[in-house]
Structures are given as structure tokens and as C-alpha cells.
Amino acid sequence: MEYIAKDKYLPPCAIFYPEYVDLMTKSYWLKKISIPNADLFLEYIRTVLPWIKSVGGVIVKRDLIQESTSNEWDGGQLGLVIEFESKFAAKKAFYSEVFQKYLQSRDLMELVTISTL
């Protein structure tokens, strides 16, 4: 409890309880994915990115590293920073049935984890 004056205390404000902090604090996914060919790159852009937006994620930074100087995607890495309005929203998206099935279908369950700050 917060001390106000001798023998007088105020109860802690509700916003400092962990469950409220999880709802109020922005949270981020940091994603780096290797995409070996153009077909998988297009699939990722057409499916995963719209889904991220549909669950409240906003891409705030992206980085592409292509493995050659070709004008067409022939393999490389995509890095993303995705912002969510809260830790709760970020966790909800990560643990959603849709995202977990995606990870399983790509055999990524062991490679992808979530940490919230």
C-alpha cells in the first residue's frame, strides 16, 4: 500500500495489478523467418500477414535479407517487429488455435517461443 500520512494508507491502484498491466502495456513480437523460395514467400504474405492484422497486430518494422541480387525472391530472411495493444492481445494471438496450427503445419513448434516485456 502507498503511504499517505501517518496511519493513513491508500489501497494500491487497480492499474498496477498484473492482470491490468497485461491489458494496458503494449507488447511486441520479434519475428525472424527464413523463407527458401518465392512460393513460400508469397504464401506468407497472403496468409500470415493478413491474419496478424486481423488479430490486432501492426507491423512497425520489417527487414528483408535476400540471398542473391536477383529481382525475384530466391530465398532469404524476413524480420518483423509486430506491435500489439497489450500483452494480453499478443499472448492471445500467439496461443490462438489458428497460429498454433500454423506452427504445427510448418513443424515450427520447437523453434518459435513467446516472451513478453
N, C-alpha and C. Protein backbone atom coordinates (compact mmCIF):
# COMPACT_ATOMS: atom_id res chain seq x y z
N MET A 1 0.83 -1.19 0.00
CA MET A 1 0.00 0.00 0.00
C MET A 1 0.87 1.25 0.00
N GLU A 2 0.33 2.27 -0.58
CA GLU A 2 1.06 3.52 -0.67
C GLU A 2 0.86 4.33 0.62
N TYR A 3 1.94 4.82 1.18
CA TYR A 3 1.86 5.61 2.41
C TYR A 3 1.47 7.04 2.07
N ILE A 4 0.46 7.55 2.75
CA ILE A 4 0.00 8.92 2.53
C ILE A 4 0.37 9.80 3.70
N ALA A 5 -0.03 9.46 4.85
CA ALA A 5 0.29 10.22 6.06
C ALA A 5 0.32 9.22 7.21
N LYS A 6 0.79 9.68 8.34
CA LYS A 6 0.89 8.78 9.48
C LYS A 6 -0.43 8.07 9.71
N ASP A 7 -0.36 6.74 9.73
CA ASP A 7 -1.52 5.87 9.97
C ASP A 7 -2.59 5.96 8.89
N LYS A 8 -2.32 6.53 7.74
CA LYS A 8 -3.31 6.58 6.66
C LYS A 8 -2.69 5.99 5.40
N TYR A 9 -3.39 5.04 4.81
CA TYR A 9 -2.91 4.37 3.62
C TYR A 9 -4.00 4.36 2.56
N LEU A 10 -3.57 4.39 1.33
CA LEU A 10 -4.50 4.19 0.21
C LEU A 10 -4.25 2.81 -0.36
N PRO A 11 -5.30 2.11 -0.74
CA PRO A 11 -5.08 0.81 -1.39
C PRO A 11 -4.38 1.02 -2.73
N PRO A 12 -3.62 0.05 -3.16
CA PRO A 12 -2.94 0.20 -4.45
C PRO A 12 -3.96 0.39 -5.57
N CYS A 13 -3.60 1.18 -6.51
CA CYS A 13 -4.47 1.45 -7.65
C CYS A 13 -4.60 0.18 -8.48
N ALA A 14 -5.79 -0.07 -8.98
CA ALA A 14 -6.07 -1.30 -9.74
C ALA A 14 -5.17 -1.44 -10.96
N ILE A 15 -4.74 -0.34 -11.55
CA ILE A 15 -3.95 -0.46 -12.77
C ILE A 15 -2.58 -1.08 -12.55
N PHE A 16 -2.17 -1.22 -11.29
CA PHE A 16 -0.87 -1.82 -11.02
C PHE A 16 -0.94 -3.32 -10.75
N TYR A 17 -2.13 -3.88 -10.75
CA TYR A 17 -2.25 -5.32 -10.64
C TYR A 17 -1.79 -5.94 -11.95
N PRO A 18 -1.10 -7.08 -11.90
CA PRO A 18 -0.57 -7.69 -13.13
C PRO A 18 -1.60 -7.89 -14.22
N GLU A 19 -2.81 -8.32 -13.86
CA GLU A 19 -3.81 -8.56 -14.90
C GLU A 19 -4.20 -7.27 -15.62
N TYR A 20 -4.14 -6.13 -14.94
CA TYR A 20 -4.45 -4.86 -15.59
C TYR A 20 -3.25 -4.37 -16.41
N VAL A 21 -2.05 -4.58 -15.91
CA VAL A 21 -0.85 -4.19 -16.66
C VAL A 21 -0.80 -4.94 -17.98
N ASP A 22 -1.16 -6.24 -17.95
CA ASP A 22 -1.16 -7.03 -19.18
C ASP A 22 -2.13 -6.46 -20.21
N LEU A 23 -3.19 -5.82 -19.75
CA LEU A 23 -4.18 -5.25 -20.67
C LEU A 23 -3.78 -3.87 -21.18
N MET A 24 -2.92 -3.18 -20.45
CA MET A 24 -2.63 -1.79 -20.78
C MET A 24 -1.27 -1.56 -21.44
N THR A 25 -0.34 -2.47 -21.29
CA THR A 25 1.01 -2.28 -21.79
C THR A 25 1.15 -2.85 -23.20
N LYS A 26 1.65 -2.05 -24.12
CA LYS A 26 1.88 -2.56 -25.47
C LYS A 26 2.91 -3.68 -25.41
N SER A 27 2.77 -4.59 -26.35
CA SER A 27 3.67 -5.73 -26.39
C SER A 27 4.08 -5.96 -27.84
N TYR A 28 5.20 -6.65 -28.03
CA TYR A 28 5.75 -6.81 -29.37
C TYR A 28 6.15 -8.26 -29.62
N TRP A 29 5.92 -8.69 -30.85
CA TRP A 29 6.51 -9.92 -31.35
C TRP A 29 7.73 -9.52 -32.16
N LEU A 30 8.82 -10.21 -31.97
CA LEU A 30 10.01 -10.06 -32.81
C LEU A 30 10.12 -11.35 -33.60
N LYS A 31 9.93 -11.27 -34.90
CA LYS A 31 9.92 -12.48 -35.72
C LYS A 31 11.02 -12.41 -36.76
N LYS A 32 11.71 -13.52 -36.91
CA LYS A 32 12.67 -13.66 -37.99
C LYS A 32 12.43 -15.04 -38.59
N ILE A 33 12.12 -15.06 -39.86
CA ILE A 33 11.77 -16.32 -40.51
C ILE A 33 12.56 -16.48 -41.78
N SER A 34 13.07 -17.68 -42.00
CA SER A 34 13.76 -18.00 -43.25
C SER A 34 12.73 -18.53 -44.23
N ILE A 35 12.72 -17.96 -45.41
CA ILE A 35 11.78 -18.37 -46.45
C ILE A 35 12.60 -18.76 -47.67
N PRO A 36 12.60 -20.07 -48.00
CA PRO A 36 13.54 -20.56 -49.01
C PRO A 36 13.21 -20.28 -50.46
N ASN A 37 11.93 -19.97 -50.77
CA ASN A 37 11.61 -19.76 -52.19
C ASN A 37 10.44 -18.78 -52.35
N ALA A 38 10.21 -18.37 -53.58
CA ALA A 38 9.19 -17.35 -53.88
C ALA A 38 7.78 -17.82 -53.54
N ASP A 39 7.48 -19.11 -53.78
CA ASP A 39 6.14 -19.61 -53.48
C ASP A 39 5.81 -19.49 -51.99
N LEU A 40 6.75 -19.87 -51.14
CA LEU A 40 6.51 -19.77 -49.70
C LEU A 40 6.49 -18.31 -49.24
N PHE A 41 7.28 -17.47 -49.88
CA PHE A 41 7.28 -16.04 -49.55
C PHE A 41 5.90 -15.44 -49.85
N LEU A 42 5.35 -15.75 -51.03
CA LEU A 42 4.03 -15.24 -51.40
C LEU A 42 2.95 -15.81 -50.49
N GLU A 43 3.05 -17.08 -50.14
CA GLU A 43 2.09 -17.69 -49.22
C GLU A 43 2.10 -16.96 -47.88
N TYR A 44 3.29 -16.66 -47.37
CA TYR A 44 3.43 -15.96 -46.09
C TYR A 44 2.77 -14.58 -46.17
N ILE A 45 3.04 -13.86 -47.25
CA ILE A 45 2.49 -12.52 -47.42
C ILE A 45 0.96 -12.56 -47.55
N ARG A 46 0.44 -13.56 -48.23
CA ARG A 46 -1.00 -13.65 -48.48
C ARG A 46 -1.80 -14.23 -47.31
N THR A 47 -1.15 -14.98 -46.42
CA THR A 47 -1.89 -15.63 -45.34
C THR A 47 -1.53 -15.11 -43.95
N VAL A 48 -0.26 -15.17 -43.61
CA VAL A 48 0.15 -14.83 -42.25
C VAL A 48 0.02 -13.34 -41.97
N LEU A 49 0.49 -12.50 -42.88
CA LEU A 49 0.43 -11.05 -42.62
C LEU A 49 -1.01 -10.53 -42.47
N PRO A 50 -1.96 -10.94 -43.32
CA PRO A 50 -3.35 -10.52 -43.08
C PRO A 50 -3.91 -11.05 -41.76
N TRP A 51 -3.54 -12.27 -41.39
CA TRP A 51 -4.01 -12.81 -40.12
C TRP A 51 -3.48 -11.99 -38.96
N ILE A 52 -2.20 -11.62 -39.00
CA ILE A 52 -1.62 -10.79 -37.94
C ILE A 52 -2.43 -9.50 -37.78
N LYS A 53 -2.76 -8.88 -38.89
CA LYS A 53 -3.56 -7.65 -38.85
C LYS A 53 -4.96 -7.93 -38.27
N SER A 54 -5.55 -9.07 -38.61
CA SER A 54 -6.90 -9.39 -38.14
C SER A 54 -6.97 -9.60 -36.63
N VAL A 55 -5.84 -9.94 -35.99
CA VAL A 55 -5.84 -10.13 -34.54
C VAL A 55 -5.27 -8.91 -33.81
N GLY A 56 -5.14 -7.80 -34.53
CA GLY A 56 -4.72 -6.55 -33.89
C GLY A 56 -3.24 -6.25 -33.96
N GLY A 57 -2.48 -7.07 -34.65
CA GLY A 57 -1.05 -6.80 -34.79
C GLY A 57 -0.77 -5.76 -35.86
N VAL A 58 0.21 -4.93 -35.60
CA VAL A 58 0.62 -3.89 -36.54
C VAL A 58 2.12 -4.04 -36.77
N ILE A 59 2.51 -4.19 -38.01
CA ILE A 59 3.94 -4.31 -38.33
C ILE A 59 4.55 -2.91 -38.25
N VAL A 60 5.47 -2.75 -37.30
CA VAL A 60 6.09 -1.44 -37.11
C VAL A 60 7.49 -1.36 -37.70
N LYS A 61 8.07 -2.52 -38.03
CA LYS A 61 9.40 -2.55 -38.64
C LYS A 61 9.55 -3.85 -39.39
N ARG A 62 10.16 -3.78 -40.57
CA ARG A 62 10.43 -5.01 -41.33
C ARG A 62 11.81 -4.90 -41.98
N ASP A 63 12.39 -6.07 -42.21
CA ASP A 63 13.71 -6.13 -42.82
C ASP A 63 13.76 -7.39 -43.69
N LEU A 64 14.20 -7.22 -44.91
CA LEU A 64 14.36 -8.34 -45.84
C LEU A 64 15.84 -8.52 -46.14
N ILE A 65 16.27 -9.75 -46.06
CA ILE A 65 17.64 -10.09 -46.45
C ILE A 65 17.53 -11.19 -47.49
N GLN A 66 17.82 -10.83 -48.73
CA GLN A 66 17.74 -11.79 -49.82
C GLN A 66 19.12 -12.41 -50.03
N GLU A 67 19.12 -13.68 -50.39
CA GLU A 67 20.38 -14.41 -50.53
C GLU A 67 21.09 -14.18 -51.86
N SER A 68 20.48 -13.40 -52.75
CA SER A 68 21.16 -13.10 -54.01
C SER A 68 20.74 -11.71 -54.47
N THR A 69 21.25 -11.31 -55.62
CA THR A 69 20.89 -10.00 -56.17
C THR A 69 19.79 -10.11 -57.22
N SER A 70 19.17 -11.26 -57.30
CA SER A 70 18.10 -11.49 -58.27
C SER A 70 16.91 -10.58 -58.00
N ASN A 71 16.14 -10.24 -59.03
CA ASN A 71 14.94 -9.44 -58.87
C ASN A 71 13.78 -10.24 -58.30
N GLU A 72 13.89 -11.55 -58.34
CA GLU A 72 12.86 -12.42 -57.80
C GLU A 72 13.35 -13.06 -56.51
N TRP A 73 12.41 -13.34 -55.62
CA TRP A 73 12.77 -13.95 -54.34
C TRP A 73 13.30 -15.36 -54.57
N ASP A 74 14.52 -15.60 -54.16
CA ASP A 74 15.09 -16.94 -54.29
C ASP A 74 15.66 -17.42 -52.96
N GLY A 75 15.07 -16.95 -51.91
CA GLY A 75 15.46 -17.37 -50.57
C GLY A 75 16.04 -16.22 -49.78
N GLY A 76 15.78 -16.26 -48.49
CA GLY A 76 16.30 -15.23 -47.62
C GLY A 76 15.55 -15.20 -46.30
N GLN A 77 15.69 -14.10 -45.61
CA GLN A 77 15.07 -13.96 -44.29
C GLN A 77 14.20 -12.71 -44.24
N LEU A 78 13.12 -12.86 -43.52
CA LEU A 78 12.20 -11.75 -43.27
C LEU A 78 12.18 -11.51 -41.77
N GLY A 79 12.47 -10.30 -41.38
CA GLY A 79 12.41 -9.92 -39.96
C GLY A 79 11.28 -8.93 -39.76
N LEU A 80 10.51 -9.13 -38.70
CA LEU A 80 9.37 -8.27 -38.42
C LEU A 80 9.32 -7.90 -36.95
N VAL A 81 8.91 -6.67 -36.67
CA VAL A 81 8.53 -6.26 -35.32
C VAL A 81 7.04 -5.96 -35.40
N ILE A 82 6.25 -6.70 -34.62
CA ILE A 82 4.80 -6.57 -34.66
C ILE A 82 4.32 -6.06 -33.30
N GLU A 83 3.60 -4.96 -33.33
CA GLU A 83 3.10 -4.34 -32.11
C GLU A 83 1.66 -4.76 -31.84
N PHE A 84 1.37 -5.07 -30.58
CA PHE A 84 0.02 -5.36 -30.13
C PHE A 84 -0.35 -4.35 -29.05
N GLU A 85 -1.62 -4.08 -28.90
CA GLU A 85 -2.08 -3.08 -27.93
C GLU A 85 -1.81 -3.48 -26.49
N SER A 86 -1.62 -4.78 -26.24
CA SER A 86 -1.39 -5.24 -24.88
C SER A 86 -0.66 -6.57 -24.89
N LYS A 87 -0.12 -6.92 -23.73
CA LYS A 87 0.49 -8.24 -23.58
C LYS A 87 -0.58 -9.31 -23.75
N PHE A 88 -1.75 -9.03 -23.23
CA PHE A 88 -2.86 -9.97 -23.35
C PHE A 88 -3.16 -10.27 -24.82
N ALA A 89 -3.24 -9.22 -25.65
CA ALA A 89 -3.54 -9.40 -27.08
C ALA A 89 -2.43 -10.18 -27.78
N ALA A 90 -1.17 -9.90 -27.43
CA ALA A 90 -0.04 -10.61 -28.05
C ALA A 90 -0.07 -12.09 -27.68
N LYS A 91 -0.32 -12.39 -26.42
CA LYS A 91 -0.38 -13.78 -25.98
C LYS A 91 -1.60 -14.49 -26.59
N LYS A 92 -2.72 -13.79 -26.64
CA LYS A 92 -3.93 -14.38 -27.20
C LYS A 92 -3.70 -14.78 -28.67
N ALA A 93 -3.05 -13.92 -29.42
CA ALA A 93 -2.75 -14.22 -30.82
C ALA A 93 -1.79 -15.40 -30.92
N PHE A 94 -0.74 -15.38 -30.12
CA PHE A 94 0.26 -16.45 -30.17
C PHE A 94 -0.34 -17.80 -29.84
N TYR A 95 -1.15 -17.86 -28.80
CA TYR A 95 -1.71 -19.13 -28.35
C TYR A 95 -3.03 -19.48 -29.03
N SER A 96 -3.44 -18.68 -30.00
CA SER A 96 -4.69 -18.97 -30.70
C SER A 96 -4.58 -20.28 -31.46
N GLU A 97 -5.71 -20.91 -31.65
CA GLU A 97 -5.75 -22.18 -32.38
C GLU A 97 -5.18 -22.03 -33.79
N VAL A 98 -5.51 -20.93 -34.44
CA VAL A 98 -5.04 -20.70 -35.81
C VAL A 98 -3.51 -20.64 -35.87
N PHE A 99 -2.90 -19.86 -34.99
CA PHE A 99 -1.45 -19.72 -35.02
C PHE A 99 -0.75 -21.00 -34.60
N GLN A 100 -1.27 -21.68 -33.60
CA GLN A 100 -0.66 -22.93 -33.16
C GLN A 100 -0.74 -24.00 -34.26
N LYS A 101 -1.86 -24.04 -34.99
CA LYS A 101 -1.97 -24.99 -36.11
C LYS A 101 -0.98 -24.62 -37.22
N TYR A 102 -0.79 -23.33 -37.45
CA TYR A 102 0.19 -22.88 -38.45
C TYR A 102 1.59 -23.36 -38.06
N LEU A 103 1.94 -23.18 -36.79
CA LEU A 103 3.27 -23.62 -36.33
C LEU A 103 3.43 -25.12 -36.49
N GLN A 104 2.39 -25.87 -36.16
CA GLN A 104 2.45 -27.32 -36.30
C GLN A 104 2.58 -27.74 -37.76
N SER A 105 1.81 -27.08 -38.64
CA SER A 105 1.84 -27.45 -40.06
C SER A 105 3.20 -27.20 -40.70
N ARG A 106 3.95 -26.26 -40.17
CA ARG A 106 5.27 -25.92 -40.70
C ARG A 106 6.39 -26.54 -39.87
N ASP A 107 6.02 -27.37 -38.89
CA ASP A 107 6.99 -28.02 -38.00
C ASP A 107 7.87 -26.99 -37.29
N LEU A 108 7.22 -25.95 -36.78
CA LEU A 108 7.95 -24.85 -36.13
C LEU A 108 7.73 -24.79 -34.61
N MET A 109 7.01 -25.75 -34.06
CA MET A 109 6.66 -25.70 -32.64
C MET A 109 7.88 -25.56 -31.73
N GLU A 110 8.96 -26.23 -32.05
CA GLU A 110 10.17 -26.19 -31.21
C GLU A 110 11.00 -24.91 -31.43
N LEU A 111 10.76 -24.24 -32.56
CA LEU A 111 11.60 -23.11 -32.93
C LEU A 111 11.01 -21.74 -32.54
N VAL A 112 9.71 -21.70 -32.26
CA VAL A 112 9.05 -20.42 -32.01
C VAL A 112 8.58 -20.38 -30.57
N THR A 113 8.97 -19.32 -29.87
CA THR A 113 8.53 -19.11 -28.49
C THR A 113 8.05 -17.67 -28.36
N ILE A 114 7.42 -17.37 -27.24
CA ILE A 114 6.97 -16.02 -27.00
C ILE A 114 7.54 -15.55 -25.66
N SER A 115 7.97 -14.31 -25.65
CA SER A 115 8.41 -13.64 -24.43
C SER A 115 7.74 -12.27 -24.44
N THR A 116 7.27 -11.85 -23.29
CA THR A 116 6.67 -10.52 -23.22
C THR A 116 7.50 -9.67 -22.29
N LEU A 117 7.62 -8.42 -22.63
CA LEU A 117 8.40 -7.47 -21.83
C LEU A 117 7.49 -6.55 -21.08
